[in-house]
Amino acid sequence: MAKGKRGPKKIEGWKAKQWYNVIAPEMMGQQEVGETPASDPTLLLGRVIEVTLGDLTNDYSKQNIKLELKVDQVGGDSAYTKFIGHELTRDYLRSLVKRQTSMIDANIDIRTRDGYKIRVKPICYTVKRAKSSQIKDIRQLMTSIVKQKARELEFEAFMQDAVLGKLSAQIYRDVKNIYPLRRVEILKTHVLGEPEVKAAIPEAAAS
């Protein structure tokens, strides 16, 4: 008995996927930061890509800073991203912990001058163990500094200050007057919301 004609061989798994170039946001120079696969470009939307600041800048002293990029647009073989936050690596944070010292952190929800809502997690390491009253004062001042900076800056400038160390340096300068500090870091940032885009009012409705 003759066999029927076979159809085209089905491609499965990785062979069915296409690789897309991941493009950093405009605030990071829109450079290519890696590749990611997908069988359909629509599946890329919303995907979170991690890249270190060291890889992005070719400065390997900054490998302890992880940047989170979220794909929000696909064009051709490129996946374009927006910046949604950063975090320090666990290995680096463990290296900062010392005995007989205090570690003081805070979770602060702020809104930048142009309307972005961001959660910021600064952390202070003291030279010796601080008293509970000093820890309370440090946390309050740290929170005040972060909120004030957010009111002054728009999103890109605030995030650059947070990631590149300018914000932690300001916290260090002001907080060390309460108690001697060994180190200040911005442990993590995360974008909680973007500015609302107001719909234009039709001229007929406005008249």
N, C-alpha and C. Protein backbone atom coordinates (compact mmCIF):
# COMPACT_ATOMS: atom_id res chain seq x y z
N MET A 1 0.85 -1.19 0.00
CA MET A 1 0.00 0.00 0.00
C MET A 1 0.89 1.24 0.00
N ALA A 2 0.60 2.16 -0.89
CA ALA A 2 1.42 3.36 -1.02
C ALA A 2 1.19 4.29 0.16
N LYS A 3 2.26 4.91 0.62
CA LYS A 3 2.17 5.86 1.73
C LYS A 3 1.79 7.24 1.23
N GLY A 4 1.02 7.95 2.01
CA GLY A 4 0.62 9.30 1.64
C GLY A 4 1.82 10.24 1.66
N LYS A 5 1.74 11.31 0.94
CA LYS A 5 2.82 12.29 0.86
C LYS A 5 2.96 13.02 2.19
N ARG A 6 4.18 13.06 2.67
CA ARG A 6 4.43 13.74 3.94
C ARG A 6 4.40 15.26 3.78
N GLY A 7 3.85 15.92 4.79
CA GLY A 7 3.84 17.38 4.79
C GLY A 7 5.17 17.92 5.23
N PRO A 8 5.31 19.24 5.26
CA PRO A 8 6.56 19.85 5.71
C PRO A 8 6.84 19.50 7.16
N LYS A 9 8.09 19.28 7.48
CA LYS A 9 8.50 18.91 8.81
C LYS A 9 8.26 20.08 9.77
N LYS A 10 7.64 19.78 10.90
CA LYS A 10 7.32 20.82 11.87
C LYS A 10 8.57 21.22 12.64
N ILE A 11 8.81 22.53 12.73
CA ILE A 11 9.96 23.05 13.47
C ILE A 11 9.50 23.34 14.89
N GLU A 12 10.22 22.77 15.85
CA GLU A 12 9.82 22.93 17.24
C GLU A 12 10.96 23.51 18.06
N GLY A 13 10.59 23.95 19.29
CA GLY A 13 11.61 24.40 20.24
C GLY A 13 12.37 25.62 19.79
N TRP A 14 13.68 25.62 20.10
CA TRP A 14 14.52 26.78 19.83
C TRP A 14 14.63 27.08 18.35
N LYS A 15 14.49 26.06 17.50
CA LYS A 15 14.62 26.30 16.06
C LYS A 15 13.50 27.18 15.54
N ALA A 16 12.37 27.20 16.25
CA ALA A 16 11.23 28.00 15.81
C ALA A 16 11.32 29.45 16.28
N LYS A 17 12.32 29.72 17.11
CA LYS A 17 12.42 31.07 17.69
C LYS A 17 13.37 31.95 16.89
N GLN A 18 13.08 33.24 16.92
CA GLN A 18 13.95 34.23 16.30
C GLN A 18 14.63 35.03 17.40
N TRP A 19 15.87 35.41 17.17
CA TRP A 19 16.60 36.20 18.15
C TRP A 19 16.44 37.69 17.83
N TYR A 20 16.18 38.47 18.88
CA TYR A 20 15.98 39.92 18.75
C TYR A 20 17.07 40.65 19.54
N ASN A 21 17.58 41.73 18.95
CA ASN A 21 18.56 42.57 19.63
C ASN A 21 17.85 43.42 20.68
N VAL A 22 18.35 43.41 21.91
CA VAL A 22 17.77 44.20 22.99
C VAL A 22 18.45 45.57 23.00
N ILE A 23 17.65 46.63 22.88
CA ILE A 23 18.16 47.99 22.79
C ILE A 23 17.86 48.75 24.09
N ALA A 24 18.89 49.34 24.68
CA ALA A 24 18.74 50.09 25.92
C ALA A 24 17.90 51.35 25.68
N PRO A 25 17.30 51.92 26.72
CA PRO A 25 16.51 53.15 26.57
C PRO A 25 17.36 54.32 26.11
N GLU A 26 16.69 55.37 25.66
CA GLU A 26 17.39 56.56 25.17
C GLU A 26 18.28 57.17 26.25
N MET A 27 17.85 57.13 27.51
CA MET A 27 18.64 57.69 28.60
C MET A 27 19.95 56.94 28.81
N MET A 28 20.06 55.75 28.22
CA MET A 28 21.28 54.95 28.32
C MET A 28 21.99 54.84 26.97
N GLY A 29 21.62 55.70 26.04
CA GLY A 29 22.32 55.75 24.76
C GLY A 29 21.79 54.84 23.68
N GLN A 30 20.70 54.13 23.94
CA GLN A 30 20.09 53.23 22.97
C GLN A 30 21.09 52.25 22.35
N GLN A 31 22.03 51.78 23.16
CA GLN A 31 22.99 50.81 22.65
C GLN A 31 22.44 49.40 22.79
N GLU A 32 22.97 48.49 21.98
CA GLU A 32 22.56 47.09 22.04
C GLU A 32 23.18 46.45 23.28
N VAL A 33 22.35 45.80 24.11
CA VAL A 33 22.84 45.24 25.36
C VAL A 33 22.72 43.72 25.43
N GLY A 34 22.25 43.10 24.36
CA GLY A 34 22.13 41.64 24.36
C GLY A 34 21.11 41.17 23.36
N GLU A 35 20.75 39.89 23.46
CA GLU A 35 19.76 39.30 22.57
C GLU A 35 18.77 38.49 23.39
N THR A 36 17.56 38.35 22.87
CA THR A 36 16.55 37.53 23.53
C THR A 36 15.70 36.84 22.46
N PRO A 37 15.31 35.57 22.68
CA PRO A 37 14.55 34.83 21.66
C PRO A 37 13.05 34.91 21.88
N ALA A 38 12.30 34.74 20.79
CA ALA A 38 10.85 34.66 20.88
C ALA A 38 10.32 34.04 19.58
N SER A 39 9.27 33.24 19.70
CA SER A 39 8.63 32.65 18.52
C SER A 39 7.68 33.64 17.86
N ASP A 40 7.28 34.67 18.60
CA ASP A 40 6.39 35.71 18.10
C ASP A 40 6.81 37.02 18.74
N PRO A 41 6.98 38.10 17.97
CA PRO A 41 7.45 39.36 18.54
C PRO A 41 6.53 39.92 19.63
N THR A 42 5.24 39.61 19.56
CA THR A 42 4.33 40.13 20.58
C THR A 42 4.62 39.52 21.96
N LEU A 43 5.26 38.36 21.97
CA LEU A 43 5.60 37.72 23.24
C LEU A 43 6.73 38.43 23.97
N LEU A 44 7.43 39.31 23.27
CA LEU A 44 8.53 40.06 23.89
C LEU A 44 8.02 41.20 24.76
N LEU A 45 6.84 41.73 24.41
CA LEU A 45 6.33 42.89 25.14
C LEU A 45 6.13 42.56 26.61
N GLY A 46 6.72 43.38 27.48
CA GLY A 46 6.61 43.16 28.91
C GLY A 46 7.73 42.31 29.48
N ARG A 47 8.58 41.74 28.63
CA ARG A 47 9.68 40.91 29.13
C ARG A 47 10.72 41.79 29.81
N VAL A 48 11.20 41.33 30.97
CA VAL A 48 12.19 42.08 31.73
C VAL A 48 13.58 41.51 31.46
N ILE A 49 14.50 42.39 31.09
CA ILE A 49 15.88 42.01 30.79
C ILE A 49 16.79 42.61 31.86
N GLU A 50 17.71 41.80 32.39
CA GLU A 50 18.68 42.30 33.36
C GLU A 50 20.04 42.46 32.70
N VAL A 51 20.68 43.57 32.98
CA VAL A 51 22.03 43.83 32.49
C VAL A 51 22.77 44.60 33.58
N THR A 52 24.05 44.35 33.73
CA THR A 52 24.80 45.08 34.76
C THR A 52 25.27 46.42 34.21
N LEU A 53 25.44 47.37 35.11
CA LEU A 53 25.96 48.68 34.71
C LEU A 53 27.38 48.54 34.18
N GLY A 54 28.11 47.56 34.68
CA GLY A 54 29.46 47.31 34.19
C GLY A 54 29.47 46.90 32.73
N ASP A 55 28.53 46.02 32.34
CA ASP A 55 28.44 45.61 30.93
C ASP A 55 28.03 46.78 30.05
N LEU A 56 27.17 47.63 30.57
CA LEU A 56 26.66 48.75 29.78
C LEU A 56 27.72 49.81 29.55
N THR A 57 28.59 50.02 30.54
CA THR A 57 29.57 51.10 30.47
C THR A 57 31.00 50.61 30.24
N ASN A 58 31.17 49.27 30.17
CA ASN A 58 32.52 48.68 30.09
C ASN A 58 33.39 49.06 31.27
N ASP A 59 32.75 49.33 32.41
CA ASP A 59 33.45 49.61 33.66
C ASP A 59 33.13 48.47 34.62
N TYR A 60 34.02 47.50 34.72
CA TYR A 60 33.69 46.28 35.47
C TYR A 60 33.75 46.47 36.97
N SER A 61 34.10 47.67 37.45
CA SER A 61 33.96 47.96 38.87
C SER A 61 32.49 48.17 39.23
N LYS A 62 31.62 48.26 38.21
CA LYS A 62 30.19 48.49 38.44
C LYS A 62 29.37 47.23 38.13
N GLN A 63 30.00 46.06 38.20
CA GLN A 63 29.29 44.80 37.96
C GLN A 63 28.31 44.47 39.09
N ASN A 64 28.42 45.17 40.21
CA ASN A 64 27.53 44.92 41.35
C ASN A 64 26.17 45.61 41.21
N ILE A 65 25.98 46.37 40.12
CA ILE A 65 24.72 47.10 39.93
C ILE A 65 23.95 46.47 38.77
N LYS A 66 22.80 45.88 39.08
CA LYS A 66 21.95 45.27 38.06
C LYS A 66 20.86 46.24 37.62
N LEU A 67 20.73 46.44 36.33
CA LEU A 67 19.69 47.31 35.78
C LEU A 67 18.57 46.44 35.23
N GLU A 68 17.34 46.87 35.43
CA GLU A 68 16.18 46.15 34.90
C GLU A 68 15.56 46.95 33.76
N LEU A 69 15.48 46.32 32.60
CA LEU A 69 14.91 46.95 31.41
C LEU A 69 13.69 46.14 30.97
N LYS A 70 12.63 46.83 30.61
CA LYS A 70 11.38 46.16 30.21
C LYS A 70 11.08 46.46 28.74
N VAL A 71 10.87 45.42 27.96
CA VAL A 71 10.56 45.59 26.54
C VAL A 71 9.18 46.22 26.39
N ASP A 72 9.13 47.35 25.69
CA ASP A 72 7.83 48.00 25.48
C ASP A 72 7.54 48.28 24.02
N GLN A 73 8.46 47.89 23.13
CA GLN A 73 8.24 48.10 21.69
C GLN A 73 9.15 47.16 20.91
N VAL A 74 8.63 46.63 19.81
CA VAL A 74 9.42 45.74 18.94
C VAL A 74 9.34 46.28 17.52
N GLY A 75 10.50 46.38 16.87
CA GLY A 75 10.55 46.83 15.48
C GLY A 75 11.62 46.07 14.73
N GLY A 76 11.20 45.34 13.67
CA GLY A 76 12.16 44.53 12.92
C GLY A 76 12.73 43.44 13.80
N ASP A 77 14.05 43.39 13.89
CA ASP A 77 14.68 42.38 14.75
C ASP A 77 15.20 43.00 16.05
N SER A 78 14.60 44.13 16.46
CA SER A 78 15.05 44.82 17.66
C SER A 78 13.92 44.93 18.68
N ALA A 79 14.28 44.73 19.95
CA ALA A 79 13.34 44.89 21.06
C ALA A 79 13.78 46.10 21.87
N TYR A 80 12.95 47.15 21.89
CA TYR A 80 13.29 48.41 22.55
C TYR A 80 12.76 48.40 23.99
N THR A 81 13.55 48.94 24.89
CA THR A 81 13.22 48.82 26.31
C THR A 81 13.07 50.17 27.01
N LYS A 82 12.49 50.12 28.20
CA LYS A 82 12.46 51.27 29.10
C LYS A 82 13.04 50.83 30.44
N PHE A 83 13.59 51.78 31.17
CA PHE A 83 14.25 51.50 32.44
C PHE A 83 13.21 51.44 33.55
N ILE A 84 13.19 50.33 34.31
CA ILE A 84 12.18 50.19 35.36
C ILE A 84 12.80 50.03 36.76
N GLY A 85 14.12 50.07 36.86
CA GLY A 85 14.70 50.01 38.19
C GLY A 85 16.09 49.40 38.21
N HIS A 86 16.65 49.32 39.41
CA HIS A 86 17.97 48.71 39.57
C HIS A 86 18.04 48.04 40.94
N GLU A 87 19.06 47.20 41.10
CA GLU A 87 19.25 46.52 42.38
C GLU A 87 20.72 46.14 42.51
N LEU A 88 21.25 46.20 43.73
CA LEU A 88 22.62 45.77 43.98
C LEU A 88 22.65 44.25 44.15
N THR A 89 23.75 43.63 43.74
CA THR A 89 23.87 42.18 43.83
C THR A 89 23.98 41.74 45.29
N ARG A 90 23.52 40.52 45.57
CA ARG A 90 23.54 40.00 46.93
C ARG A 90 24.97 39.81 47.43
N ASP A 91 25.86 39.37 46.58
CA ASP A 91 27.25 39.17 46.99
C ASP A 91 27.86 40.47 47.47
N TYR A 92 27.57 41.55 46.75
CA TYR A 92 28.12 42.85 47.14
C TYR A 92 27.55 43.30 48.48
N LEU A 93 26.24 43.11 48.68
CA LEU A 93 25.60 43.52 49.93
C LEU A 93 26.15 42.72 51.11
N ARG A 94 26.39 41.43 50.91
CA ARG A 94 26.95 40.61 51.99
C ARG A 94 28.33 41.10 52.39
N SER A 95 29.08 41.62 51.42
CA SER A 95 30.44 42.09 51.72
C SER A 95 30.43 43.35 52.58
N LEU A 96 29.30 44.05 52.64
CA LEU A 96 29.21 45.29 53.41
C LEU A 96 28.83 45.07 54.88
N VAL A 97 28.33 43.89 55.18
CA VAL A 97 27.86 43.61 56.54
C VAL A 97 29.05 43.31 57.45
N LYS A 98 29.12 44.04 58.57
CA LYS A 98 30.19 43.85 59.55
C LYS A 98 29.57 43.66 60.93
N ARG A 99 30.28 42.96 61.80
CA ARG A 99 29.81 42.77 63.17
C ARG A 99 29.90 44.07 63.98
N GLN A 100 29.03 44.14 64.97
CA GLN A 100 29.02 45.28 65.89
C GLN A 100 28.78 46.62 65.18
N THR A 101 28.01 46.58 64.11
CA THR A 101 27.62 47.80 63.41
C THR A 101 26.11 47.77 63.17
N SER A 102 25.56 48.87 62.74
CA SER A 102 24.13 48.94 62.44
C SER A 102 23.90 49.10 60.94
N MET A 103 22.87 48.45 60.47
CA MET A 103 22.44 48.56 59.07
C MET A 103 21.04 49.16 59.08
N ILE A 104 20.89 50.34 58.51
CA ILE A 104 19.63 51.08 58.59
C ILE A 104 19.08 51.29 57.18
N ASP A 105 17.91 50.73 56.91
CA ASP A 105 17.33 50.87 55.57
C ASP A 105 15.96 51.50 55.66
N ALA A 106 15.40 51.82 54.48
CA ALA A 106 14.06 52.42 54.41
C ALA A 106 13.44 52.11 53.06
N ASN A 107 12.13 51.98 53.05
CA ASN A 107 11.36 51.85 51.80
C ASN A 107 10.58 53.15 51.62
N ILE A 108 10.91 53.88 50.56
CA ILE A 108 10.34 55.22 50.38
C ILE A 108 9.66 55.30 49.02
N ASP A 109 8.39 55.60 49.01
CA ASP A 109 7.66 55.83 47.77
C ASP A 109 7.66 57.32 47.47
N ILE A 110 8.19 57.67 46.32
CA ILE A 110 8.30 59.09 45.97
C ILE A 110 7.67 59.33 44.59
N ARG A 111 7.46 60.60 44.27
CA ARG A 111 7.00 60.98 42.93
C ARG A 111 7.93 62.07 42.42
N THR A 112 8.51 61.85 41.25
CA THR A 112 9.44 62.82 40.68
C THR A 112 8.70 64.06 40.18
N ARG A 113 9.45 65.06 39.83
CA ARG A 113 8.86 66.33 39.41
C ARG A 113 7.98 66.16 38.18
N ASP A 114 8.31 65.19 37.31
CA ASP A 114 7.50 64.98 36.11
C ASP A 114 6.48 63.85 36.27
N GLY A 115 6.25 63.40 37.51
CA GLY A 115 5.11 62.52 37.77
C GLY A 115 5.36 61.03 37.84
N TYR A 116 6.60 60.58 37.78
CA TYR A 116 6.89 59.14 37.91
C TYR A 116 6.84 58.75 39.38
N LYS A 117 6.18 57.63 39.68
CA LYS A 117 6.15 57.10 41.03
C LYS A 117 7.20 56.00 41.16
N ILE A 118 8.08 56.11 42.15
CA ILE A 118 9.21 55.19 42.28
C ILE A 118 9.34 54.77 43.74
N ARG A 119 9.65 53.49 43.95
CA ARG A 119 10.01 53.02 45.29
C ARG A 119 11.53 52.99 45.39
N VAL A 120 12.06 53.65 46.41
CA VAL A 120 13.51 53.77 46.60
C VAL A 120 13.88 53.14 47.93
N LYS A 121 14.94 52.33 47.92
CA LYS A 121 15.39 51.66 49.14
C LYS A 121 16.85 52.02 49.44
N PRO A 122 17.07 53.12 50.20
CA PRO A 122 18.42 53.46 50.61
C PRO A 122 18.83 52.65 51.84
N ILE A 123 20.14 52.52 52.05
CA ILE A 123 20.62 51.76 53.19
C ILE A 123 21.91 52.39 53.70
N CYS A 124 22.02 52.54 55.02
CA CYS A 124 23.20 53.12 55.66
C CYS A 124 23.88 52.07 56.52
N TYR A 125 25.21 52.05 56.50
CA TYR A 125 26.00 51.17 57.36
C TYR A 125 26.84 52.06 58.28
N THR A 126 26.68 51.87 59.58
CA THR A 126 27.39 52.71 60.54
C THR A 126 28.76 52.11 60.88
N VAL A 127 29.62 52.94 61.47
CA VAL A 127 30.96 52.50 61.88
C VAL A 127 30.87 51.56 63.09
N LYS A 128 30.01 51.91 64.04
CA LYS A 128 29.75 51.07 65.21
C LYS A 128 28.24 50.97 65.40
N ARG A 129 27.83 50.18 66.37
CA ARG A 129 26.40 49.99 66.59
C ARG A 129 25.77 51.27 67.14
N ALA A 130 24.71 51.72 66.46
CA ALA A 130 24.04 52.96 66.85
C ALA A 130 22.91 52.68 67.83
N LYS A 131 22.52 53.71 68.59
CA LYS A 131 21.40 53.59 69.51
C LYS A 131 20.09 53.65 68.72
N SER A 132 19.01 53.18 69.33
CA SER A 132 17.71 53.15 68.66
C SER A 132 17.24 54.55 68.29
N SER A 133 17.53 55.53 69.15
CA SER A 133 17.14 56.92 68.85
C SER A 133 17.92 57.46 67.65
N GLN A 134 19.19 57.10 67.55
CA GLN A 134 20.01 57.53 66.41
C GLN A 134 19.55 56.85 65.12
N ILE A 135 19.19 55.58 65.21
CA ILE A 135 18.68 54.86 64.04
C ILE A 135 17.40 55.51 63.53
N LYS A 136 16.53 55.90 64.45
CA LYS A 136 15.28 56.57 64.07
C LYS A 136 15.57 57.90 63.38
N ASP A 137 16.50 58.69 63.92
CA ASP A 137 16.84 59.98 63.33
C ASP A 137 17.49 59.81 61.96
N ILE A 138 18.34 58.80 61.82
CA ILE A 138 18.99 58.53 60.53
C ILE A 138 17.96 58.18 59.47
N ARG A 139 17.03 57.30 59.85
CA ARG A 139 16.00 56.88 58.88
C ARG A 139 15.12 58.07 58.46
N GLN A 140 14.77 58.92 59.40
CA GLN A 140 13.94 60.09 59.09
C GLN A 140 14.66 61.05 58.15
N LEU A 141 15.95 61.32 58.43
CA LEU A 141 16.69 62.24 57.58
C LEU A 141 16.93 61.64 56.21
N MET A 142 17.23 60.36 56.16
CA MET A 142 17.43 59.67 54.89
C MET A 142 16.16 59.76 54.03
N THR A 143 15.02 59.56 54.64
CA THR A 143 13.74 59.65 53.93
C THR A 143 13.49 61.07 53.42
N SER A 144 13.78 62.05 54.27
CA SER A 144 13.58 63.46 53.90
C SER A 144 14.45 63.85 52.70
N ILE A 145 15.69 63.40 52.68
CA ILE A 145 16.62 63.73 51.58
C ILE A 145 16.12 63.15 50.26
N VAL A 146 15.70 61.88 50.30
CA VAL A 146 15.23 61.21 49.08
C VAL A 146 13.98 61.90 48.53
N LYS A 147 13.05 62.24 49.41
CA LYS A 147 11.81 62.89 48.96
C LYS A 147 12.08 64.28 48.39
N GLN A 148 12.97 65.03 49.03
CA GLN A 148 13.31 66.35 48.54
C GLN A 148 13.97 66.28 47.17
N LYS A 149 14.87 65.34 46.99
CA LYS A 149 15.55 65.18 45.70
C LYS A 149 14.55 64.82 44.60
N ALA A 150 13.56 63.99 44.92
CA ALA A 150 12.55 63.62 43.94
C ALA A 150 11.71 64.83 43.52
N ARG A 151 11.40 65.71 44.47
CA ARG A 151 10.63 66.91 44.14
C ARG A 151 11.41 67.84 43.22
N GLU A 152 12.72 67.81 43.31
CA GLU A 152 13.56 68.71 42.53
C GLU A 152 13.85 68.20 41.11
N LEU A 153 13.89 66.87 40.93
CA LEU A 153 14.39 66.30 39.69
C LEU A 153 13.32 65.58 38.90
N GLU A 154 13.50 65.55 37.59
CA GLU A 154 12.65 64.72 36.74
C GLU A 154 13.20 63.29 36.72
N PHE A 155 12.44 62.38 36.14
CA PHE A 155 12.70 60.94 36.24
C PHE A 155 14.14 60.55 35.87
N GLU A 156 14.59 60.94 34.70
CA GLU A 156 15.90 60.50 34.22
C GLU A 156 17.02 60.99 35.14
N ALA A 157 16.95 62.26 35.55
CA ALA A 157 17.98 62.82 36.41
C ALA A 157 17.97 62.15 37.78
N PHE A 158 16.78 61.90 38.31
CA PHE A 158 16.70 61.25 39.62
C PHE A 158 17.29 59.85 39.57
N MET A 159 16.93 59.07 38.54
CA MET A 159 17.42 57.70 38.44
C MET A 159 18.93 57.66 38.22
N GLN A 160 19.45 58.60 37.46
CA GLN A 160 20.90 58.66 37.28
C GLN A 160 21.60 58.93 38.62
N ASP A 161 21.05 59.86 39.41
CA ASP A 161 21.62 60.14 40.72
C ASP A 161 21.56 58.92 41.63
N ALA A 162 20.46 58.18 41.55
CA ALA A 162 20.27 57.00 42.41
C ALA A 162 21.23 55.87 42.02
N VAL A 163 21.37 55.64 40.72
CA VAL A 163 22.18 54.51 40.24
C VAL A 163 23.67 54.81 40.30
N LEU A 164 24.06 56.03 39.96
CA LEU A 164 25.48 56.36 39.83
C LEU A 164 26.12 56.84 41.13
N GLY A 165 25.34 56.97 42.21
CA GLY A 165 25.93 57.24 43.50
C GLY A 165 25.82 58.66 44.03
N LYS A 166 25.26 59.57 43.25
CA LYS A 166 25.17 60.96 43.71
C LYS A 166 24.19 61.10 44.87
N LEU A 167 23.08 60.36 44.81
CA LEU A 167 22.08 60.43 45.88
C LEU A 167 22.63 59.83 47.17
N SER A 168 23.30 58.70 47.08
CA SER A 168 23.87 58.09 48.29
C SER A 168 24.97 58.96 48.89
N ALA A 169 25.71 59.67 48.03
CA ALA A 169 26.76 60.58 48.54
C ALA A 169 26.15 61.73 49.33
N GLN A 170 25.01 62.25 48.87
CA GLN A 170 24.35 63.34 49.60
C GLN A 170 23.82 62.84 50.94
N ILE A 171 23.24 61.63 50.94
CA ILE A 171 22.76 61.06 52.20
C ILE A 171 23.92 60.90 53.18
N TYR A 172 25.05 60.43 52.68
CA TYR A 172 26.23 60.23 53.53
C TYR A 172 26.67 61.55 54.17
N ARG A 173 26.76 62.60 53.37
CA ARG A 173 27.23 63.90 53.87
C ARG A 173 26.34 64.44 54.97
N ASP A 174 25.01 64.28 54.81
CA ASP A 174 24.08 64.87 55.78
C ASP A 174 23.88 63.98 57.02
N VAL A 175 23.83 62.67 56.80
CA VAL A 175 23.51 61.76 57.89
C VAL A 175 24.69 61.53 58.82
N LYS A 176 25.91 61.66 58.33
CA LYS A 176 27.09 61.39 59.18
C LYS A 176 27.17 62.36 60.37
N ASN A 177 26.42 63.48 60.31
CA ASN A 177 26.39 64.41 61.43
C ASN A 177 25.58 63.85 62.61
N ILE A 178 24.72 62.87 62.33
CA ILE A 178 23.96 62.22 63.40
C ILE A 178 24.80 61.11 64.04
N TYR A 179 25.46 60.30 63.17
CA TYR A 179 26.29 59.21 63.66
C TYR A 179 27.27 58.84 62.55
N PRO A 180 28.53 58.49 62.89
CA PRO A 180 29.52 58.17 61.86
C PRO A 180 29.09 56.99 60.98
N LEU A 181 29.20 57.18 59.67
CA LEU A 181 28.80 56.16 58.71
C LEU A 181 30.02 55.55 58.02
N ARG A 182 29.87 54.28 57.67
CA ARG A 182 30.90 53.59 56.91
C ARG A 182 30.57 53.56 55.42
N ARG A 183 29.28 53.45 55.12
CA ARG A 183 28.87 53.32 53.72
C ARG A 183 27.39 53.65 53.58
N VAL A 184 27.02 54.25 52.45
CA VAL A 184 25.62 54.47 52.10
C VAL A 184 25.42 53.99 50.67
N GLU A 185 24.36 53.24 50.45
CA GLU A 185 24.03 52.75 49.11
C GLU A 185 22.54 52.92 48.85
N ILE A 186 22.19 53.01 47.57
CA ILE A 186 20.78 52.88 47.18
C ILE A 186 20.61 51.42 46.78
N LEU A 187 20.03 50.66 47.68
CA LEU A 187 19.91 49.22 47.51
C LEU A 187 19.09 48.85 46.27
N LYS A 188 18.00 49.57 46.06
CA LYS A 188 17.08 49.20 44.99
C LYS A 188 16.19 50.37 44.63
N THR A 189 15.82 50.45 43.36
CA THR A 189 14.75 51.34 42.92
C THR A 189 13.80 50.54 42.03
N HIS A 190 12.55 50.94 42.01
CA HIS A 190 11.58 50.27 41.14
C HIS A 190 10.50 51.26 40.75
N VAL A 191 10.24 51.35 39.46
CA VAL A 191 9.21 52.26 38.95
C VAL A 191 7.84 51.65 39.21
N LEU A 192 7.01 52.35 39.97
CA LEU A 192 5.67 51.87 40.31
C LEU A 192 4.61 52.40 39.36
N GLY A 193 4.87 53.56 38.76
CA GLY A 193 3.87 54.14 37.86
C GLY A 193 4.44 55.29 37.07
N GLU A 194 3.90 55.48 35.88
CA GLU A 194 4.32 56.57 35.00
C GLU A 194 3.29 57.68 35.01
N PRO A 195 3.65 58.88 34.55
CA PRO A 195 2.68 59.98 34.54
C PRO A 195 1.47 59.63 33.69
N GLU A 196 0.32 60.04 34.17
CA GLU A 196 -0.90 59.82 33.40
C GLU A 196 -0.94 60.78 32.22
N VAL A 197 -1.31 60.23 31.06
CA VAL A 197 -1.43 61.04 29.86
C VAL A 197 -2.87 61.48 29.72
N LYS A 198 -3.09 62.77 29.82
CA LYS A 198 -4.45 63.30 29.74
C LYS A 198 -4.90 63.36 28.30
N ALA A 199 -6.10 62.83 28.05
CA ALA A 199 -6.64 62.85 26.69
C ALA A 199 -7.03 64.26 26.29
N ALA A 200 -6.76 64.57 25.03
CA ALA A 200 -7.11 65.88 24.52
C ALA A 200 -8.63 66.04 24.43
N ILE A 201 -9.14 67.21 24.75
CA ILE A 201 -10.57 67.47 24.69
C ILE A 201 -10.94 67.92 23.28
N PRO A 202 -11.87 67.21 22.60
CA PRO A 202 -12.26 67.62 21.25
C PRO A 202 -12.77 69.05 21.24
N GLU A 203 -12.46 69.75 20.14
CA GLU A 203 -12.82 71.16 20.05
C GLU A 203 -14.33 71.35 20.15
N ALA A 204 -15.09 70.42 19.57
CA ALA A 204 -16.55 70.56 19.59
C ALA A 204 -17.09 70.47 21.03
N ALA A 205 -16.45 69.55 21.81
CA ALA A 205 -16.91 69.40 23.20
C ALA A 205 -16.50 70.57 24.05
N ALA A 206 -15.33 71.16 23.69
CA ALA A 206 -14.82 72.27 24.48
C ALA A 206 -15.59 73.55 24.24
N SER A 207 -16.20 73.70 23.07
CA SER A 207 -16.89 74.93 22.72
C SER A 207 -18.30 74.96 23.32
